[in-house]
Protein backbone atom coordinates (compact mmCIF):
# COMPACT_ATOMS: atom_id res chain seq x y z
CA UNK A 1 0.00 0.00 0.00
CA UNK A 2 1.40 3.40 -0.96
CA UNK A 3 0.23 6.97 -1.25
CA UNK A 4 -0.31 6.68 -5.00
CA UNK A 5 -3.14 4.16 -4.61
CA UNK A 6 -4.98 6.12 -1.89
CA UNK A 7 -7.54 7.76 -4.25
CA UNK A 8 -8.39 4.36 -5.75
CA UNK A 9 -8.82 2.79 -2.31
CA UNK A 10 -11.05 5.66 -1.17
CA UNK A 11 -13.09 5.47 -4.37
CA UNK A 12 -13.67 1.73 -3.90
CA UNK A 13 -14.55 2.17 -0.21
CA UNK A 14 -17.13 4.86 -0.95
CA UNK A 15 -18.49 3.02 -4.00
CA UNK A 16 -18.96 -0.22 -2.05
CA UNK A 17 -19.92 1.02 1.43
CA UNK A 18 -21.57 4.45 1.22
CA UNK A 19 -25.28 3.74 1.41
CA UNK A 20 -26.31 7.18 0.14
CA UNK A 21 -24.26 6.74 -3.04
CA UNK A 22 -26.23 3.57 -3.73
CA UNK A 23 -29.59 5.02 -2.65
CA UNK A 24 -29.24 8.08 -4.89
CA UNK A 25 -27.72 6.15 -7.79
CA UNK A 26 -24.53 8.21 -7.80
CA UNK A 27 -21.64 7.28 -10.07
CA UNK A 28 -18.07 8.11 -9.13
CA UNK A 29 -16.57 9.20 -12.43
CA UNK A 30 -13.13 10.34 -11.29
CA UNK A 31 -11.16 10.32 -8.07
CA UNK A 32 -7.63 11.64 -7.91
CA UNK A 33 -5.65 13.35 -5.19
CA UNK A 34 -7.47 16.62 -4.56
CA UNK A 35 -10.18 16.18 -7.21
CA UNK A 36 -13.29 14.11 -7.78
CA UNK A 37 -16.23 13.98 -10.15
CA UNK A 38 -19.54 12.38 -9.19
CA UNK A 39 -22.67 12.23 -11.31
CA UNK A 40 -26.24 11.01 -11.05
CA UNK A 41 -29.51 11.12 -12.91
CA UNK A 42 -32.24 13.07 -11.15
CA UNK A 43 -35.19 10.77 -10.60
CA UNK A 44 -38.71 11.55 -9.50
CA UNK A 45 -37.77 10.63 -5.94
CA UNK A 46 -35.17 13.45 -5.96
CA UNK A 47 -37.72 16.18 -6.73
CA UNK A 48 -39.10 18.72 -4.28
CA UNK A 49 -42.67 20.05 -4.06
CA UNK A 50 -42.02 22.36 -7.03
CA UNK A 51 -40.94 19.34 -9.14
CA UNK A 52 -37.32 20.47 -9.38
CA UNK A 53 -34.26 18.77 -7.98
CA UNK A 54 -34.27 19.06 -4.20
CA UNK A 55 -31.46 21.15 -2.73
CA UNK A 56 -30.64 18.28 -0.37
CA UNK A 57 -29.99 16.06 -3.37
CA UNK A 58 -27.58 18.59 -4.85
CA UNK A 59 -25.78 19.02 -1.53
CA UNK A 60 -25.56 15.25 -1.06
CA UNK A 61 -23.94 14.91 -4.47
CA UNK A 62 -21.46 17.68 -3.73
CA UNK A 63 -20.76 16.24 -0.26
CA UNK A 64 -19.74 12.89 -1.75
CA UNK A 65 -17.49 14.60 -4.31
CA UNK A 66 -15.91 16.73 -1.59
CA UNK A 67 -15.34 13.70 0.64
CA UNK A 68 -13.63 11.83 -2.19
CA UNK A 69 -11.42 14.78 -3.13
CA UNK A 70 -10.42 15.71 0.41
CA UNK A 71 -9.77 12.27 1.83
PDB file of N, CA and C in Angstrom:
ATOM      1  N   UNK A   1       0.840  -1.166   0.000  1.00  0.00           N
ATOM      2  CA  UNK A   1       0.000   0.000   0.000  1.00  0.00           C
ATOM      3  C   UNK A   1       0.892   1.238   0.000  1.00  0.00           C
ATOM      4  N   UNK A   2       0.632   2.151  -0.920  1.00  0.00           N
ATOM      5  CA  UNK A   2       1.397   3.395  -0.963  1.00  0.00           C
ATOM      6  C   UNK A   2       0.462   4.570  -1.202  1.00  0.00           C
ATOM      7  N   UNK A   3       1.027   5.750  -1.113  1.00  0.00           N
ATOM      8  CA  UNK A   3       0.233   6.974  -1.245  1.00  0.00           C
ATOM      9  C   UNK A   3      -0.427   7.088  -2.613  1.00  0.00           C
ATOM     10  N   UNK A   4       0.212   6.562  -3.645  1.00  0.00           N
ATOM     11  CA  UNK A   4      -0.314   6.681  -5.004  1.00  0.00           C
ATOM     12  C   UNK A   4      -1.636   5.955  -5.198  1.00  0.00           C
ATOM     13  N   UNK A   5      -1.890   4.904  -4.418  1.00  0.00           N
ATOM     14  CA  UNK A   5      -3.138   4.159  -4.607  1.00  0.00           C
ATOM     15  C   UNK A   5      -4.241   4.611  -3.649  1.00  0.00           C
ATOM     16  N   UNK A   6      -3.977   5.644  -2.842  1.00  0.00           N
ATOM     17  CA  UNK A   6      -4.978   6.121  -1.886  1.00  0.00           C
ATOM     18  C   UNK A   6      -6.275   6.561  -2.559  1.00  0.00           C
ATOM     19  N   UNK A   7      -6.266   7.379  -3.619  1.00  0.00           N
ATOM     20  CA  UNK A   7      -7.538   7.764  -4.246  1.00  0.00           C
ATOM     21  C   UNK A   7      -8.344   6.562  -4.736  1.00  0.00           C
ATOM     22  N   UNK A   8      -7.680   5.555  -5.275  1.00  0.00           N
ATOM     23  CA  UNK A   8      -8.386   4.364  -5.746  1.00  0.00           C
ATOM     24  C   UNK A   8      -9.012   3.606  -4.582  1.00  0.00           C
ATOM     25  N   UNK A   9      -8.286   3.493  -3.479  1.00  0.00           N
ATOM     26  CA  UNK A   9      -8.820   2.793  -2.309  1.00  0.00           C
ATOM     27  C   UNK A   9     -10.017   3.537  -1.727  1.00  0.00           C
ATOM     28  N   UNK A  10      -9.932   4.866  -1.675  1.00  0.00           N
ATOM     29  CA  UNK A  10     -11.054   5.663  -1.166  1.00  0.00           C
ATOM     30  C   UNK A  10     -12.250   5.547  -2.091  1.00  0.00           C
ATOM     31  N   UNK A  11     -12.009   5.613  -3.395  1.00  0.00           N
ATOM     32  CA  UNK A  11     -13.093   5.471  -4.374  1.00  0.00           C
ATOM     33  C   UNK A  11     -13.809   4.140  -4.190  1.00  0.00           C
ATOM     34  N   UNK A  12     -13.067   3.061  -4.062  1.00  0.00           N
ATOM     35  CA  UNK A  12     -13.673   1.735  -3.896  1.00  0.00           C
ATOM     36  C   UNK A  12     -14.426   1.627  -2.575  1.00  0.00           C
ATOM     37  N   UNK A  13     -13.881   2.201  -1.506  1.00  0.00           N
ATOM     38  CA  UNK A  13     -14.550   2.171  -0.210  1.00  0.00           C
ATOM     39  C   UNK A  13     -15.892   2.891  -0.284  1.00  0.00           C
ATOM     40  N   UNK A  14     -15.890   4.091  -0.842  1.00  0.00           N
ATOM     41  CA  UNK A  14     -17.133   4.862  -0.946  1.00  0.00           C
ATOM     42  C   UNK A  14     -18.115   4.161  -1.880  1.00  0.00           C
ATOM     43  N   UNK A  15     -17.633   3.699  -3.015  1.00  0.00           N
ATOM     44  CA  UNK A  15     -18.493   3.021  -3.996  1.00  0.00           C
ATOM     45  C   UNK A  15     -19.164   1.789  -3.384  1.00  0.00           C
ATOM     46  N   UNK A  16     -18.445   1.034  -2.583  1.00  0.00           N
ATOM     47  CA  UNK A  16     -18.959  -0.222  -2.055  1.00  0.00           C
ATOM     48  C   UNK A  16     -19.653  -0.109  -0.703  1.00  0.00           C
ATOM     49  N   UNK A  17     -19.403   0.965   0.060  1.00  0.00           N
ATOM     50  CA  UNK A  17     -19.918   1.017   1.425  1.00  0.00           C
ATOM     51  C   UNK A  17     -20.808   2.208   1.733  1.00  0.00           C
ATOM     52  N   UNK A  18     -20.770   3.261   0.926  1.00  0.00           N
ATOM     53  CA  UNK A  18     -21.569   4.448   1.221  1.00  0.00           C
ATOM     54  C   UNK A  18     -23.004   4.217   0.766  1.00  0.00           C
ATOM     55  N   UNK A  19     -23.885   4.094   1.706  1.00  0.00           N
ATOM     56  CA  UNK A  19     -25.279   3.743   1.409  1.00  0.00           C
ATOM     57  C   UNK A  19     -26.006   4.836   0.615  1.00  0.00           C
ATOM     58  N   UNK A  20     -25.655   6.097   0.857  1.00  0.00           N
ATOM     59  CA  UNK A  20     -26.310   7.183   0.137  1.00  0.00           C
ATOM     60  C   UNK A  20     -25.941   7.176  -1.339  1.00  0.00           C
ATOM     61  N   UNK A  21     -24.697   6.843  -1.646  1.00  0.00           N
ATOM     62  CA  UNK A  21     -24.259   6.737  -3.044  1.00  0.00           C
ATOM     63  C   UNK A  21     -25.139   5.729  -3.771  1.00  0.00           C
ATOM     64  N   UNK A  22     -25.386   4.612  -3.136  1.00  0.00           N
ATOM     65  CA  UNK A  22     -26.229   3.571  -3.727  1.00  0.00           C
ATOM     66  C   UNK A  22     -27.692   4.019  -3.794  1.00  0.00           C
ATOM     67  N   UNK A  23     -28.194   4.585  -2.715  1.00  0.00           N
ATOM     68  CA  UNK A  23     -29.592   5.017  -2.654  1.00  0.00           C
ATOM     69  C   UNK A  23     -29.918   6.066  -3.716  1.00  0.00           C
ATOM     70  N   UNK A  24     -29.013   7.002  -3.928  1.00  0.00           N
ATOM     71  CA  UNK A  24     -29.244   8.077  -4.891  1.00  0.00           C
ATOM     72  C   UNK A  24     -28.821   7.705  -6.304  1.00  0.00           C
ATOM     73  N   UNK A  25     -28.169   6.570  -6.468  1.00  0.00           N
ATOM     74  CA  UNK A  25     -27.725   6.152  -7.792  1.00  0.00           C
ATOM     75  C   UNK A  25     -26.554   6.962  -8.311  1.00  0.00           C
ATOM     76  N   UNK A  26     -25.680   7.399  -7.403  1.00  0.00           N
ATOM     77  CA  UNK A  26     -24.526   8.206  -7.802  1.00  0.00           C
ATOM     78  C   UNK A  26     -23.467   7.335  -8.472  1.00  0.00           C
ATOM     79  N   UNK A  27     -22.741   7.952  -9.383  1.00  0.00           N
ATOM     80  CA  UNK A  27     -21.642   7.279 -10.071  1.00  0.00           C
ATOM     81  C   UNK A  27     -20.371   8.094  -9.867  1.00  0.00           C
ATOM     82  N   UNK A  28     -19.351   7.450  -9.314  1.00  0.00           N
ATOM     83  CA  UNK A  28     -18.069   8.112  -9.133  1.00  0.00           C
ATOM     84  C   UNK A  28     -17.341   8.028 -10.466  1.00  0.00           C
ATOM     85  N   UNK A  29     -17.174   9.168 -11.102  1.00  0.00           N
ATOM     86  CA  UNK A  29     -16.571   9.198 -12.432  1.00  0.00           C
ATOM     87  C   UNK A  29     -15.060   9.334 -12.372  1.00  0.00           C
ATOM     88  N   UNK A  30     -14.572  10.113 -11.398  1.00  0.00           N
ATOM     89  CA  UNK A  30     -13.130  10.337 -11.286  1.00  0.00           C
ATOM     90  C   UNK A  30     -12.782  10.580  -9.828  1.00  0.00           C
ATOM     91  N   UNK A  31     -11.646  10.081  -9.416  1.00  0.00           N
ATOM     92  CA  UNK A  31     -11.164  10.323  -8.065  1.00  0.00           C
ATOM     93  C   UNK A  31      -9.645  10.315  -8.098  1.00  0.00           C
ATOM     94  N   UNK A  32      -9.073  11.496  -7.969  1.00  0.00           N
ATOM     95  CA  UNK A  32      -7.625  11.638  -7.914  1.00  0.00           C
ATOM     96  C   UNK A  32      -7.299  12.466  -6.679  1.00  0.00           C
ATOM     97  N   UNK A  33      -6.033  12.576  -6.366  1.00  0.00           N
ATOM     98  CA  UNK A  33      -5.653  13.350  -5.192  1.00  0.00           C
ATOM     99  C   UNK A  33      -6.076  14.807  -5.368  1.00  0.00           C
ATOM    100  N   UNK A  34      -7.009  15.239  -4.530  1.00  0.00           N
ATOM    101  CA  UNK A  34      -7.468  16.621  -4.563  1.00  0.00           C
ATOM    102  C   UNK A  34      -8.590  16.932  -5.534  1.00  0.00           C
ATOM    103  N   UNK A  35      -9.096  15.932  -6.247  1.00  0.00           N
ATOM    104  CA  UNK A  35     -10.178  16.181  -7.208  1.00  0.00           C
ATOM    105  C   UNK A  35     -11.082  14.958  -7.325  1.00  0.00           C
ATOM    106  N   UNK A  36     -12.348  15.212  -7.581  1.00  0.00           N
ATOM    107  CA  UNK A  36     -13.292  14.114  -7.783  1.00  0.00           C
ATOM    108  C   UNK A  36     -14.458  14.608  -8.622  1.00  0.00           C
ATOM    109  N   UNK A  37     -15.060  13.688  -9.348  1.00  0.00           N
ATOM    110  CA  UNK A  37     -16.233  13.978 -10.153  1.00  0.00           C
ATOM    111  C   UNK A  37     -17.265  12.888  -9.882  1.00  0.00           C
ATOM    112  N   UNK A  38     -18.460  13.313  -9.500  1.00  0.00           N
ATOM    113  CA  UNK A  38     -19.541  12.382  -9.187  1.00  0.00           C
ATOM    114  C   UNK A  38     -20.772  12.830  -9.956  1.00  0.00           C
ATOM    115  N   UNK A  39     -21.475  11.896 -10.559  1.00  0.00           N
ATOM    116  CA  UNK A  39     -22.674  12.227 -11.312  1.00  0.00           C
ATOM    117  C   UNK A  39     -23.856  11.373 -10.895  1.00  0.00           C
ATOM    118  N   UNK A  40     -25.033  11.805 -11.287  1.00  0.00           N
ATOM    119  CA  UNK A  40     -26.240  11.012 -11.048  1.00  0.00           C
ATOM    120  C   UNK A  40     -27.361  11.556 -11.921  1.00  0.00           C
ATOM    121  N   UNK A  41     -28.295  10.698 -12.216  1.00  0.00           N
ATOM    122  CA  UNK A  41     -29.506  11.115 -12.908  1.00  0.00           C
ATOM    123  C   UNK A  41     -30.534  11.504 -11.859  1.00  0.00           C
ATOM    124  N   UNK A  42     -31.189  12.639 -12.063  1.00  0.00           N
ATOM    125  CA  UNK A  42     -32.236  13.075 -11.149  1.00  0.00           C
ATOM    126  C   UNK A  42     -33.497  12.276 -11.475  1.00  0.00           C
ATOM    127  N   UNK A  43     -33.981  11.587 -10.458  1.00  0.00           N
ATOM    128  CA  UNK A  43     -35.192  10.768 -10.604  1.00  0.00           C
ATOM    129  C   UNK A  43     -36.358  11.470  -9.910  1.00  0.00           C
ATOM    130  N   UNK A  44     -37.529  10.957 -10.111  1.00  0.00           N
ATOM    131  CA  UNK A  44     -38.711  11.553  -9.498  1.00  0.00           C
ATOM    132  C   UNK A  44     -38.574  11.626  -7.982  1.00  0.00           C
ATOM    133  N   UNK A  45     -37.933  10.641  -7.387  1.00  0.00           N
ATOM    134  CA  UNK A  45     -37.772  10.634  -5.937  1.00  0.00           C
ATOM    135  C   UNK A  45     -36.817  11.714  -5.435  1.00  0.00           C
ATOM    136  N   UNK A  46     -36.097  12.379  -6.331  1.00  0.00           N
ATOM    137  CA  UNK A  46     -35.169  13.452  -5.963  1.00  0.00           C
ATOM    138  C   UNK A  46     -35.810  14.841  -6.087  1.00  0.00           C
ATOM    139  N   UNK A  47     -37.063  14.897  -6.481  1.00  0.00           N
ATOM    140  CA  UNK A  47     -37.716  16.184  -6.726  1.00  0.00           C
ATOM    141  C   UNK A  47     -38.373  16.738  -5.471  1.00  0.00           C
ATOM    142  N   UNK A  48     -38.416  18.067  -5.394  1.00  0.00           N
ATOM    143  CA  UNK A  48     -39.099  18.716  -4.279  1.00  0.00           C
ATOM    144  C   UNK A  48     -40.553  19.004  -4.658  1.00  0.00           C
ATOM    145  N   UNK A  49     -41.247  19.761  -3.825  1.00  0.00           N
ATOM    146  CA  UNK A  49     -42.669  20.046  -4.058  1.00  0.00           C
ATOM    147  C   UNK A  49     -42.903  20.842  -5.328  1.00  0.00           C
ATOM    148  N   UNK A  50     -41.898  21.574  -5.796  1.00  0.00           N
ATOM    149  CA  UNK A  50     -42.023  22.356  -7.032  1.00  0.00           C
ATOM    150  C   UNK A  50     -41.595  21.546  -8.259  1.00  0.00           C
ATOM    151  N   UNK A  51     -41.363  20.252  -8.067  1.00  0.00           N
ATOM    152  CA  UNK A  51     -40.944  19.343  -9.142  1.00  0.00           C
ATOM    153  C   UNK A  51     -39.602  19.710  -9.766  1.00  0.00           C
ATOM    154  N   UNK A  52     -38.704  20.261  -8.947  1.00  0.00           N
ATOM    155  CA  UNK A  52     -37.320  20.471  -9.381  1.00  0.00           C
ATOM    156  C   UNK A  52     -36.406  19.738  -8.397  1.00  0.00           C
ATOM    157  N   UNK A  53     -35.193  19.528  -8.809  1.00  0.00           N
ATOM    158  CA  UNK A  53     -34.264  18.768  -7.978  1.00  0.00           C
ATOM    159  C   UNK A  53     -34.133  19.408  -6.593  1.00  0.00           C
ATOM    160  N   UNK A  54     -34.328  18.607  -5.579  1.00  0.00           N
ATOM    161  CA  UNK A  54     -34.271  19.064  -4.198  1.00  0.00           C
ATOM    162  C   UNK A  54     -32.854  19.526  -3.859  1.00  0.00           C
ATOM    163  N   UNK A  55     -32.756  20.634  -3.136  1.00  0.00           N
ATOM    164  CA  UNK A  55     -31.458  21.151  -2.729  1.00  0.00           C
ATOM    165  C   UNK A  55     -30.650  20.136  -1.932  1.00  0.00           C
ATOM    166  N   UNK A  56     -31.326  19.316  -1.146  1.00  0.00           N
ATOM    167  CA  UNK A  56     -30.636  18.282  -0.369  1.00  0.00           C
ATOM    168  C   UNK A  56     -29.967  17.252  -1.267  1.00  0.00           C
ATOM    169  N   UNK A  57     -30.578  16.982  -2.405  1.00  0.00           N
ATOM    170  CA  UNK A  57     -29.989  16.058  -3.372  1.00  0.00           C
ATOM    171  C   UNK A  57     -28.707  16.648  -3.941  1.00  0.00           C
ATOM    172  N   UNK A  58     -28.751  17.920  -4.286  1.00  0.00           N
ATOM    173  CA  UNK A  58     -27.576  18.589  -4.845  1.00  0.00           C
ATOM    174  C   UNK A  58     -26.457  18.641  -3.816  1.00  0.00           C
ATOM    175  N   UNK A  59     -26.796  18.967  -2.576  1.00  0.00           N
ATOM    176  CA  UNK A  59     -25.783  19.025  -1.527  1.00  0.00           C
ATOM    177  C   UNK A  59     -25.218  17.641  -1.220  1.00  0.00           C
ATOM    178  N   UNK A  60     -26.053  16.605  -1.278  1.00  0.00           N
ATOM    179  CA  UNK A  60     -25.559  15.246  -1.056  1.00  0.00           C
ATOM    180  C   UNK A  60     -24.552  14.854  -2.128  1.00  0.00           C
ATOM    181  N   UNK A  61     -24.850  15.202  -3.367  1.00  0.00           N
ATOM    182  CA  UNK A  61     -23.940  14.910  -4.471  1.00  0.00           C
ATOM    183  C   UNK A  61     -22.613  15.642  -4.278  1.00  0.00           C
ATOM    184  N   UNK A  62     -22.685  16.915  -3.928  1.00  0.00           N
ATOM    185  CA  UNK A  62     -21.455  17.678  -3.730  1.00  0.00           C
ATOM    186  C   UNK A  62     -20.697  17.204  -2.494  1.00  0.00           C
ATOM    187  N   UNK A  63     -21.410  16.749  -1.471  1.00  0.00           N
ATOM    188  CA  UNK A  63     -20.763  16.238  -0.261  1.00  0.00           C
ATOM    189  C   UNK A  63     -19.938  14.993  -0.566  1.00  0.00           C
ATOM    190  N   UNK A  64     -20.477  14.106  -1.384  1.00  0.00           N
ATOM    191  CA  UNK A  64     -19.744  12.893  -1.755  1.00  0.00           C
ATOM    192  C   UNK A  64     -18.498  13.256  -2.569  1.00  0.00           C
ATOM    193  N   UNK A  65     -18.647  14.171  -3.515  1.00  0.00           N
ATOM    194  CA  UNK A  65     -17.493  14.596  -4.312  1.00  0.00           C
ATOM    195  C   UNK A  65     -16.432  15.240  -3.427  1.00  0.00           C
ATOM    196  N   UNK A  66     -16.847  16.079  -2.499  1.00  0.00           N
ATOM    197  CA  UNK A  66     -15.908  16.730  -1.591  1.00  0.00           C
ATOM    198  C   UNK A  66     -15.192  15.695  -0.714  1.00  0.00           C
ATOM    199  N   UNK A  67     -15.940  14.731  -0.195  1.00  0.00           N
ATOM    200  CA  UNK A  67     -15.341  13.696   0.644  1.00  0.00           C
ATOM    201  C   UNK A  67     -14.279  12.909  -0.141  1.00  0.00           C
ATOM    202  N   UNK A  68     -14.591  12.566  -1.369  1.00  0.00           N
ATOM    203  CA  UNK A  68     -13.629  11.833  -2.192  1.00  0.00           C
ATOM    204  C   UNK A  68     -12.365  12.656  -2.462  1.00  0.00           C
ATOM    205  N   UNK A  69     -12.554  13.917  -2.786  1.00  0.00           N
ATOM    206  CA  UNK A  69     -11.422  14.776  -3.129  1.00  0.00           C
ATOM    207  C   UNK A  69     -10.556  15.108  -1.913  1.00  0.00           C
ATOM    208  N   UNK A  70     -11.183  15.269  -0.762  1.00  0.00           N
ATOM    209  CA  UNK A  70     -10.422  15.708   0.408  1.00  0.00           C
ATOM    210  C   UNK A  70      -9.817  14.574   1.226  1.00  0.00           C
ATOM    211  N   UNK A  71     -10.322  13.384   1.062  1.00  0.00           N
ATOM    212  CA  UNK A  71      -9.770  12.267   1.835  1.00  0.00           C
ATOM    213  C   UNK A  71      -8.672  11.547   1.106  1.00  0.00           C
TER     214      UNK A  71
END
